[in-house]
Protein backbone atom coordinates (compact mmCIF):
# COMPACT_ATOMS: atom_id res chain seq x y z
CA GLY A 1 0.31 -0.20 0.30
CA SER A 2 1.27 3.59 -0.32
CA LYS A 3 2.14 6.06 2.86
CA GLY A 4 -0.54 7.24 3.27
CA SER A 5 -3.38 4.07 3.69
CA MET A 6 -0.54 2.62 5.47
CA ALA A 7 0.01 5.79 8.19
CA SER A 8 -4.30 5.88 7.93
CA THR A 9 -4.42 2.09 9.15
CA LEU A 10 -1.90 2.21 11.59
CA GLY A 11 -3.56 4.71 13.05
CA VAL A 12 -7.44 2.69 13.91
CA LEU A 13 -4.97 -0.25 15.44
CA SER A 14 -4.98 -1.58 18.41
CA ASP A 15 -1.49 -1.34 20.33
CA ALA A 16 -1.37 -4.78 20.41
CA GLU A 17 -1.74 -5.12 16.79
CA ARG A 18 0.51 -2.24 15.75
CA LEU A 19 3.39 -4.38 18.12
CA PHE A 20 2.99 -7.36 16.09
CA ILE A 21 2.73 -5.89 12.77
CA VAL A 22 6.33 -3.87 13.64
CA HIS A 23 7.63 -7.04 15.38
CA GLY A 24 7.19 -8.12 12.16
CA VAL A 25 8.96 -6.00 10.30
CA GLN A 26 12.17 -6.25 12.64
CA ASP A 27 11.84 -10.01 11.75
CA ASP A 28 11.65 -9.28 8.53
CA LEU A 29 8.42 -11.15 8.30
CA ARG A 30 4.78 -8.63 7.05
CA SER A 31 0.99 -10.01 8.30
CA ASP A 32 0.58 -11.51 5.27
CA GLY A 33 3.60 -14.02 5.14
CA ARG A 34 5.42 -12.21 2.72
CA ALA A 35 9.18 -10.54 3.40
CA CYS A 36 9.42 -7.15 3.77
CA GLU A 37 11.00 -6.96 0.22
CA ASP A 38 8.54 -9.46 -1.35
CA TYR A 39 5.99 -7.87 -3.78
CA ARG A 40 2.40 -9.93 -4.22
CA HIS A 41 2.42 -11.79 -6.62
CA VAL A 42 3.12 -10.46 -10.78
CA GLU A 43 0.50 -11.65 -14.20
CA VAL A 44 1.45 -9.59 -17.50
CA GLU A 45 -0.51 -10.23 -20.31
CA THR A 46 0.27 -8.55 -23.41
CA ASP A 47 -1.04 -8.11 -26.92
CA VAL A 48 -4.84 -8.21 -25.05
CA VAL A 49 -6.56 -5.61 -26.40
CA SER A 50 -7.84 -5.04 -30.26
CA ASN A 51 -7.79 -2.38 -32.53
CA THR A 52 -4.52 -0.47 -30.68
CA SER A 53 -0.24 -0.13 -31.70
CA GLY A 54 0.04 -2.62 -28.41
CA SER A 55 -1.52 -3.22 -24.95
CA ALA A 56 -0.80 -4.54 -22.17
CA ARG A 57 -2.76 -6.31 -18.87
CA LEU A 58 -1.63 -6.24 -15.55
CA ARG A 59 -2.46 -7.82 -11.79
CA LEU A 60 -0.24 -7.55 -8.93
CA GLY A 61 -2.50 -8.90 -5.60
CA ASN A 62 -5.90 -7.46 -6.67
CA THR A 63 -4.70 -4.57 -8.38
CA ASP A 64 -5.79 -4.72 -12.21
CA ILE A 65 -4.59 -2.36 -14.80
CA LEU A 66 -4.95 -2.81 -18.85
CA VAL A 67 -3.03 -0.61 -21.22
CA GLY A 68 -3.70 0.62 -24.84
CA VAL A 69 -1.48 2.19 -26.91
CA LYS A 70 -2.34 3.62 -30.27
CA ALA A 71 0.02 5.32 -32.65
CA GLU A 72 -0.61 8.21 -34.88
CA MET A 73 0.72 10.89 -36.61
CA GLY A 74 1.16 13.90 -35.89
CA GLU A 75 3.08 17.76 -35.45
CA PRO A 76 6.22 17.12 -33.24
CA ASP A 77 6.04 20.12 -30.48
CA PRO A 78 7.94 22.90 -31.11
CA GLY A 79 11.06 23.19 -29.25
CA ARG A 80 11.35 19.10 -29.94
CA PRO A 81 11.42 19.46 -33.82
CA LYS A 82 13.22 16.09 -34.01
CA GLU A 83 11.46 13.97 -31.46
CA GLY A 84 7.65 12.17 -31.32
CA LYS A 85 5.67 12.51 -28.01
CA LEU A 86 3.71 10.62 -25.72
CA GLU A 87 0.45 11.47 -23.66
CA PHE A 88 -0.86 9.82 -20.74
CA PHE A 89 -4.90 8.77 -20.06
CA VAL A 90 -5.89 7.45 -16.55
CA ASP A 91 -8.78 6.84 -15.70
CA CYS A 92 -9.83 4.88 -11.96
CA SER A 93 -13.24 2.85 -12.83
CA ALA A 94 -15.83 3.92 -9.66
CA ASN A 95 -16.12 -0.27 -9.46
CA ALA A 96 -12.11 -0.02 -8.46
CA SER A 97 -12.27 1.04 -5.10
CA PRO A 98 -14.78 2.24 -3.12
CA GLU A 99 -12.40 5.50 -2.48
CA PHE A 100 -12.98 6.20 -6.31
CA GLU A 101 -16.50 7.19 -5.95
CA GLY A 102 -17.16 10.90 -6.74
CA ARG A 103 -13.90 13.05 -7.27
CA GLY A 104 -11.23 10.07 -5.80
CA GLY A 105 -11.14 8.13 -8.69
CA GLU A 106 -10.11 11.79 -10.40
CA GLU A 107 -8.29 13.17 -8.45
CA LEU A 108 -6.46 9.63 -8.08
CA ALA A 109 -5.94 9.45 -12.14
CA ILE A 110 -4.84 13.59 -12.42
CA GLU A 111 -1.98 12.06 -9.52
CA VAL A 112 -0.87 9.45 -11.48
CA SER A 113 -1.31 10.54 -15.07
CA ASN A 114 1.47 12.95 -13.55
CA ALA A 115 3.91 10.73 -12.41
CA LEU A 116 3.73 8.89 -15.73
CA GLN A 117 4.71 12.14 -17.61
CA ARG A 118 7.21 12.80 -15.11
CA ILE A 119 8.98 9.43 -15.68
CA PHE A 120 8.69 10.50 -19.34
CA SER A 121 10.30 13.92 -19.91
CA SER A 122 13.35 12.30 -19.49
CA ARG A 123 15.47 12.30 -22.55
CA SER A 124 17.06 8.82 -21.21
CA THR A 125 13.79 6.86 -20.54
CA LEU A 126 12.39 6.30 -24.23
CA ASP A 127 14.25 7.67 -27.50
CA LEU A 128 11.50 10.13 -28.71
CA THR A 129 14.17 10.62 -31.69
CA SER A 130 13.22 7.32 -32.59
CA LEU A 131 9.32 8.75 -33.79
CA CYS A 132 10.32 11.59 -35.37
CA ILE A 133 9.28 11.38 -39.40
CA ILE A 134 9.38 14.07 -40.40
CA PRO A 135 12.19 16.60 -37.76
CA GLY A 136 9.99 20.06 -37.36
CA GLY A 137 7.05 18.03 -39.53
CA GLN A 138 5.41 14.92 -38.51
CA CYS A 139 6.71 12.48 -36.03
CA TRP A 140 4.55 9.09 -33.73
CA VAL A 141 2.45 10.40 -30.80
CA LEU A 142 1.86 7.64 -28.48
CA TYR A 143 -1.52 7.80 -26.97
CA VAL A 144 -1.31 5.97 -23.61
CA ASP A 145 -4.61 4.40 -22.21
CA VAL A 146 -4.61 3.74 -18.66
CA LEU A 147 -7.24 1.37 -16.96
CA VAL A 148 -7.46 1.05 -13.15
CA LEU A 149 -10.35 -1.94 -13.43
CA GLU A 150 -9.49 -2.60 -9.75
CA CYS A 151 -7.20 -1.41 -6.82
CA GLY A 152 -6.00 -3.26 -4.33
CA GLY A 153 -2.55 -1.40 -3.46
CA ASN A 154 0.25 -0.31 -4.76
CA LEU A 155 -0.93 1.64 -7.99
CA PHE A 156 1.36 3.77 -9.57
CA ASP A 157 4.03 0.43 -8.74
CA ALA A 158 1.20 -1.73 -10.68
CA VAL A 159 0.43 1.18 -13.25
CA SER A 160 4.30 1.72 -14.72
CA LEU A 161 4.99 -2.07 -15.17
CA ALA A 162 1.93 -2.15 -16.98
CA VAL A 163 2.81 1.10 -19.32
CA LYS A 164 6.36 -0.29 -19.87
CA ALA A 165 5.00 -4.03 -20.47
CA ALA A 166 2.55 -2.09 -23.21
CA LEU A 167 5.12 -0.11 -25.08
CA PHE A 168 7.04 -3.43 -25.08
CA ASN A 169 4.24 -4.90 -27.36
CA THR A 170 3.68 -1.71 -28.96
CA ARG A 171 3.99 -1.91 -33.28
CA ILE A 172 4.91 1.23 -35.16
CA PRO A 173 3.92 0.75 -38.27
CA THR A 174 7.80 1.26 -40.91
CA VAL A 175 7.80 4.68 -42.63
CA LEU A 176 9.72 5.75 -46.20
CA VAL A 177 9.59 9.42 -46.48
CA THR A 178 9.65 9.92 -50.61
CA ALA A 179 9.94 12.75 -52.48
CA ASP A 180 8.59 13.98 -56.06
CA ASP A 181 9.31 15.69 -58.86
CA GLU A 182 8.59 19.58 -56.67
CA GLY A 183 10.38 18.20 -54.01
CA GLN A 184 6.88 17.62 -52.09
CA GLN A 185 8.10 15.29 -49.14
CA GLU A 186 5.46 11.78 -49.21
CA ILE A 187 4.73 9.73 -46.54
CA GLU A 188 4.17 6.09 -47.20
CA LEU A 189 3.35 4.13 -44.62
CA SER A 190 4.08 -0.02 -44.69
CA ASP A 191 1.01 -2.47 -44.65
CA ASP A 192 2.48 -5.42 -43.71
CA PRO A 193 1.81 -5.88 -40.40
CA TYR A 194 5.31 -7.33 -39.71
CA ASP A 195 7.09 -4.93 -41.46
CA VAL A 196 7.25 -2.41 -38.27
CA LYS A 197 9.33 -0.74 -35.15
CA ARG A 198 9.91 -2.15 -32.36
CA LEU A 199 10.25 0.33 -29.14
CA ASP A 200 13.29 0.08 -26.39
CA VAL A 201 11.89 0.25 -23.06
CA GLU A 202 15.00 -0.71 -21.19
CA ASN A 203 16.08 2.41 -19.45
CA VAL A 204 12.01 3.22 -18.71
CA PRO A 205 11.53 3.09 -15.53
CA LEU A 206 9.72 1.29 -12.38
CA ILE A 207 7.80 2.83 -9.02
CA VAL A 208 7.81 0.68 -6.56
CA THR A 209 5.96 1.82 -3.22
CA LEU A 210 7.63 2.15 0.60
CA SER A 211 6.49 2.07 3.58
CA LYS A 212 8.31 3.24 6.94
CA ILE A 213 7.00 1.31 9.79
CA GLY A 214 8.78 2.49 12.81
CA HIS A 215 12.15 4.50 13.14
């Protein structure tokens, strides 16, 4: 769980329960039998959503995340004319957690989206120049849709891993740029489903949530 939920949980525990948790942590043992550094069970599937360039579904304990990536042509930002772009959309299903009813889910979705934007704003995370088609003219824009189906803890960790898996699964059509008789550049997309470009996601970081218990 996140720091906030752990702090609020410890606030409503009896002294005996609090002592049990703190002593368990000292002995590297959680109340559910896991060691302090053990993750919940993780399952990842890719290629799970049709009509996308890439997709992934991740289950981490009781948390369930679905990510779809769509690659579409667009114009690069003026300040980064030789780079493509990523745009994140996060939706927390109202059924995912009782906390998501009303505006709770909306606020958390913005928080998760901002965290992803921060990660991918670093040039070392993903080579955005590989998404450039015509410098200053055309680039690939990757629209990354994140749907939180169920929230059972470690939300930021699960989302970051699901996004990395979906980007790993993403296939971008190969583009041929040619010039016509008048020197105008023309873009030709390969219609061969195997003639695609894959993203190098090796340097895409993962979020790890920690809870501090005791001093």
